Amino acid sequence: MTEPFVGSEGILGIATEITLHILKTLEAICILLAYFTDIEATRQAVADIVSAVIILAGMEIMNNLCINAVERCSSH
């Protein structure tokens, strides 16, 4: 790290200790799309995934309004 970093409100940050965790190579890569009928079921699924220590590259939630907007834009 050759440049300083800035904390909240523009305060200069100083790293006094850095820990590096090296992860093993992934055994598999997969993409999953899941549909949930309510937000509580979605929240529970996310909690279960996190507690299972599954390494994720990303996770996002889209409600019906967002899905409809994406479909409208992708049809052009």
N, C-alpha and C. Protein backbone atom coordinates (compact mmCIF):
# COMPACT_ATOMS: atom_id res chain seq x y z
N MET A 1 0.86 -1.16 0.00
CA MET A 1 0.00 0.00 0.00
C MET A 1 0.91 1.23 0.00
N THR A 2 0.91 1.95 -1.09
CA THR A 2 1.85 3.06 -1.23
C THR A 2 1.21 4.41 -0.98
N GLU A 3 -0.12 4.48 -0.94
CA GLU A 3 -0.78 5.76 -0.75
C GLU A 3 -1.55 5.74 0.58
N PRO A 4 -1.66 6.89 1.25
CA PRO A 4 -2.46 6.94 2.48
C PRO A 4 -3.93 6.79 2.16
N PHE A 5 -4.71 6.40 3.13
CA PHE A 5 -6.14 6.31 2.91
C PHE A 5 -6.85 7.30 3.83
N VAL A 6 -8.06 7.68 3.43
CA VAL A 6 -8.81 8.70 4.15
C VAL A 6 -9.99 8.03 4.84
N GLY A 7 -10.17 8.32 6.12
CA GLY A 7 -11.29 7.78 6.89
C GLY A 7 -12.51 8.65 6.77
N SER A 8 -13.43 8.50 7.71
CA SER A 8 -14.66 9.29 7.68
C SER A 8 -14.35 10.75 7.93
N GLU A 9 -15.14 11.61 7.33
CA GLU A 9 -15.00 13.06 7.46
C GLU A 9 -13.64 13.58 7.05
N GLY A 10 -12.95 12.88 6.14
CA GLY A 10 -11.69 13.34 5.61
C GLY A 10 -10.49 13.16 6.51
N ILE A 11 -10.64 12.40 7.59
CA ILE A 11 -9.54 12.19 8.52
C ILE A 11 -8.56 11.19 7.91
N LEU A 12 -7.27 11.48 8.01
CA LEU A 12 -6.24 10.60 7.48
C LEU A 12 -6.19 9.31 8.30
N GLY A 13 -6.24 8.17 7.63
CA GLY A 13 -6.16 6.90 8.32
C GLY A 13 -4.75 6.35 8.30
N ILE A 14 -4.38 5.66 9.34
CA ILE A 14 -3.06 5.04 9.43
C ILE A 14 -3.25 3.57 9.78
N ALA A 15 -2.70 2.68 8.97
CA ALA A 15 -2.79 1.24 9.24
C ALA A 15 -1.68 0.86 10.21
N THR A 16 -2.05 0.34 11.36
CA THR A 16 -1.04 -0.09 12.33
C THR A 16 -0.85 -1.60 12.30
N GLU A 17 -1.82 -2.29 11.74
CA GLU A 17 -1.72 -3.75 11.61
C GLU A 17 -2.61 -4.19 10.46
N ILE A 18 -2.11 -5.08 9.63
CA ILE A 18 -2.87 -5.60 8.50
C ILE A 18 -2.82 -7.12 8.56
N THR A 19 -3.99 -7.75 8.45
CA THR A 19 -4.07 -9.20 8.45
C THR A 19 -4.51 -9.67 7.07
N LEU A 20 -3.81 -10.64 6.53
CA LEU A 20 -4.12 -11.19 5.22
C LEU A 20 -4.64 -12.61 5.39
N HIS A 21 -5.84 -12.86 4.88
CA HIS A 21 -6.40 -14.21 4.89
C HIS A 21 -6.33 -14.74 3.47
N ILE A 22 -5.63 -15.83 3.27
CA ILE A 22 -5.50 -16.43 1.96
C ILE A 22 -6.53 -17.56 1.86
N LEU A 23 -7.36 -17.47 0.83
CA LEU A 23 -8.40 -18.48 0.64
C LEU A 23 -7.94 -19.50 -0.38
N LYS A 24 -8.36 -20.74 -0.18
CA LYS A 24 -8.00 -21.76 -1.16
C LYS A 24 -8.77 -21.54 -2.46
N THR A 25 -8.29 -22.16 -3.51
CA THR A 25 -8.93 -22.05 -4.81
C THR A 25 -10.34 -22.63 -4.74
N LEU A 26 -11.27 -21.96 -5.39
CA LEU A 26 -12.65 -22.42 -5.36
C LEU A 26 -12.80 -23.77 -6.04
N GLU A 27 -13.59 -24.64 -5.43
CA GLU A 27 -13.85 -25.95 -6.04
C GLU A 27 -14.88 -25.85 -7.15
N ALA A 28 -15.79 -24.90 -7.04
CA ALA A 28 -16.83 -24.75 -8.05
C ALA A 28 -17.30 -23.29 -8.08
N ILE A 29 -17.79 -22.89 -9.23
CA ILE A 29 -18.38 -21.57 -9.38
C ILE A 29 -19.77 -21.78 -9.95
N CYS A 30 -20.76 -21.14 -9.35
CA CYS A 30 -22.11 -21.30 -9.87
C CYS A 30 -22.89 -20.01 -9.71
N ILE A 31 -23.89 -19.85 -10.53
CA ILE A 31 -24.78 -18.70 -10.48
C ILE A 31 -26.16 -19.23 -10.14
N LEU A 32 -26.84 -18.57 -9.22
CA LEU A 32 -28.14 -19.03 -8.76
C LEU A 32 -29.12 -17.87 -8.79
N LEU A 33 -30.30 -18.14 -9.29
CA LEU A 33 -31.40 -17.18 -9.26
C LEU A 33 -32.50 -17.81 -8.43
N ALA A 34 -32.96 -17.11 -7.41
CA ALA A 34 -34.00 -17.65 -6.54
C ALA A 34 -35.16 -16.66 -6.45
N TYR A 35 -36.35 -17.19 -6.34
CA TYR A 35 -37.55 -16.37 -6.22
C TYR A 35 -38.16 -16.62 -4.85
N PHE A 36 -38.49 -15.56 -4.13
CA PHE A 36 -39.12 -15.66 -2.82
C PHE A 36 -40.42 -14.89 -2.83
N THR A 37 -41.41 -15.41 -2.13
CA THR A 37 -42.73 -14.77 -2.12
C THR A 37 -42.83 -13.59 -1.17
N ASP A 38 -41.93 -13.54 -0.18
CA ASP A 38 -41.98 -12.40 0.75
C ASP A 38 -40.57 -12.08 1.26
N ILE A 39 -40.44 -10.91 1.83
CA ILE A 39 -39.12 -10.43 2.26
C ILE A 39 -38.58 -11.23 3.43
N GLU A 40 -39.44 -11.76 4.29
CA GLU A 40 -38.97 -12.55 5.43
C GLU A 40 -38.30 -13.84 4.96
N ALA A 41 -38.86 -14.50 3.96
CA ALA A 41 -38.25 -15.71 3.40
C ALA A 41 -36.90 -15.37 2.76
N THR A 42 -36.82 -14.22 2.12
CA THR A 42 -35.57 -13.76 1.52
C THR A 42 -34.52 -13.51 2.60
N ARG A 43 -34.93 -12.82 3.66
CA ARG A 43 -34.02 -12.53 4.76
C ARG A 43 -33.49 -13.80 5.40
N GLN A 44 -34.35 -14.78 5.57
CA GLN A 44 -33.93 -16.05 6.18
C GLN A 44 -32.94 -16.79 5.28
N ALA A 45 -33.18 -16.77 3.98
CA ALA A 45 -32.26 -17.42 3.04
C ALA A 45 -30.87 -16.78 3.10
N VAL A 46 -30.83 -15.45 3.14
CA VAL A 46 -29.55 -14.74 3.23
C VAL A 46 -28.84 -15.10 4.53
N ALA A 47 -29.59 -15.11 5.64
CA ALA A 47 -29.01 -15.46 6.93
C ALA A 47 -28.45 -16.89 6.91
N ASP A 48 -29.17 -17.81 6.29
CA ASP A 48 -28.71 -19.20 6.21
C ASP A 48 -27.44 -19.32 5.37
N ILE A 49 -27.37 -18.59 4.27
CA ILE A 49 -26.19 -18.63 3.41
C ILE A 49 -24.98 -18.07 4.15
N VAL A 50 -25.16 -16.95 4.83
CA VAL A 50 -24.05 -16.34 5.57
C VAL A 50 -23.60 -17.25 6.70
N SER A 51 -24.53 -17.87 7.42
CA SER A 51 -24.15 -18.73 8.54
C SER A 51 -23.50 -20.03 8.07
N ALA A 52 -23.75 -20.43 6.83
CA ALA A 52 -23.12 -21.63 6.27
C ALA A 52 -21.71 -21.35 5.78
N VAL A 53 -21.24 -20.13 5.90
CA VAL A 53 -19.91 -19.69 5.49
C VAL A 53 -19.66 -20.01 4.02
N ILE A 54 -20.64 -19.73 3.21
CA ILE A 54 -20.50 -19.86 1.76
C ILE A 54 -19.89 -18.57 1.25
N ILE A 55 -18.81 -18.67 0.49
CA ILE A 55 -18.12 -17.49 -0.03
C ILE A 55 -18.85 -17.00 -1.27
N LEU A 56 -19.32 -15.77 -1.21
CA LEU A 56 -20.09 -15.20 -2.31
C LEU A 56 -19.32 -14.08 -2.99
N ALA A 57 -19.46 -14.01 -4.30
CA ALA A 57 -18.91 -12.88 -5.03
C ALA A 57 -19.89 -11.72 -5.00
N GLY A 58 -21.16 -12.02 -4.85
CA GLY A 58 -22.16 -10.97 -4.79
C GLY A 58 -23.53 -11.55 -4.51
N MET A 59 -24.42 -10.68 -4.06
CA MET A 59 -25.80 -11.07 -3.80
C MET A 59 -26.63 -9.81 -3.94
N GLU A 60 -27.75 -9.90 -4.60
CA GLU A 60 -28.60 -8.73 -4.72
C GLU A 60 -30.06 -9.14 -4.64
N ILE A 61 -30.87 -8.20 -4.26
CA ILE A 61 -32.30 -8.43 -4.17
C ILE A 61 -33.00 -7.42 -5.08
N MET A 62 -33.97 -7.92 -5.81
CA MET A 62 -34.73 -7.06 -6.70
C MET A 62 -36.21 -7.31 -6.45
N ASN A 63 -36.95 -6.23 -6.22
CA ASN A 63 -38.40 -6.39 -6.09
C ASN A 63 -39.04 -6.31 -7.46
N ASN A 64 -40.35 -6.46 -7.51
CA ASN A 64 -41.07 -6.50 -8.79
C ASN A 64 -40.89 -5.21 -9.58
N LEU A 65 -40.84 -4.07 -8.89
CA LEU A 65 -40.65 -2.79 -9.57
C LEU A 65 -39.31 -2.76 -10.31
N CYS A 66 -38.25 -3.23 -9.66
CA CYS A 66 -36.92 -3.27 -10.29
C CYS A 66 -36.90 -4.25 -11.47
N ILE A 67 -37.50 -5.41 -11.28
CA ILE A 67 -37.51 -6.41 -12.35
C ILE A 67 -38.24 -5.86 -13.57
N ASN A 68 -39.37 -5.22 -13.37
CA ASN A 68 -40.11 -4.63 -14.49
C ASN A 68 -39.30 -3.56 -15.20
N ALA A 69 -38.57 -2.73 -14.45
CA ALA A 69 -37.74 -1.69 -15.07
C ALA A 69 -36.63 -2.30 -15.91
N VAL A 70 -36.00 -3.36 -15.41
CA VAL A 70 -34.94 -4.04 -16.16
C VAL A 70 -35.52 -4.64 -17.43
N GLU A 71 -36.67 -5.27 -17.33
CA GLU A 71 -37.28 -5.87 -18.51
C GLU A 71 -37.64 -4.82 -19.56
N ARG A 72 -38.14 -3.66 -19.12
CA ARG A 72 -38.47 -2.58 -20.07
C ARG A 72 -37.22 -2.08 -20.78
N CYS A 73 -36.13 -1.91 -20.05
CA CYS A 73 -34.90 -1.37 -20.63
C CYS A 73 -34.21 -2.39 -21.53
N SER A 74 -34.30 -3.66 -21.20
CA SER A 74 -33.59 -4.68 -21.99
C SER A 74 -34.35 -5.05 -23.26
N SER A 75 -35.59 -4.61 -23.40
CA SER A 75 -36.34 -4.97 -24.60
C SER A 75 -36.05 -4.03 -25.77
N HIS A 76 -35.25 -2.99 -25.54
CA HIS A 76 -34.94 -2.01 -26.62
C HIS A 76 -33.73 -2.43 -27.38
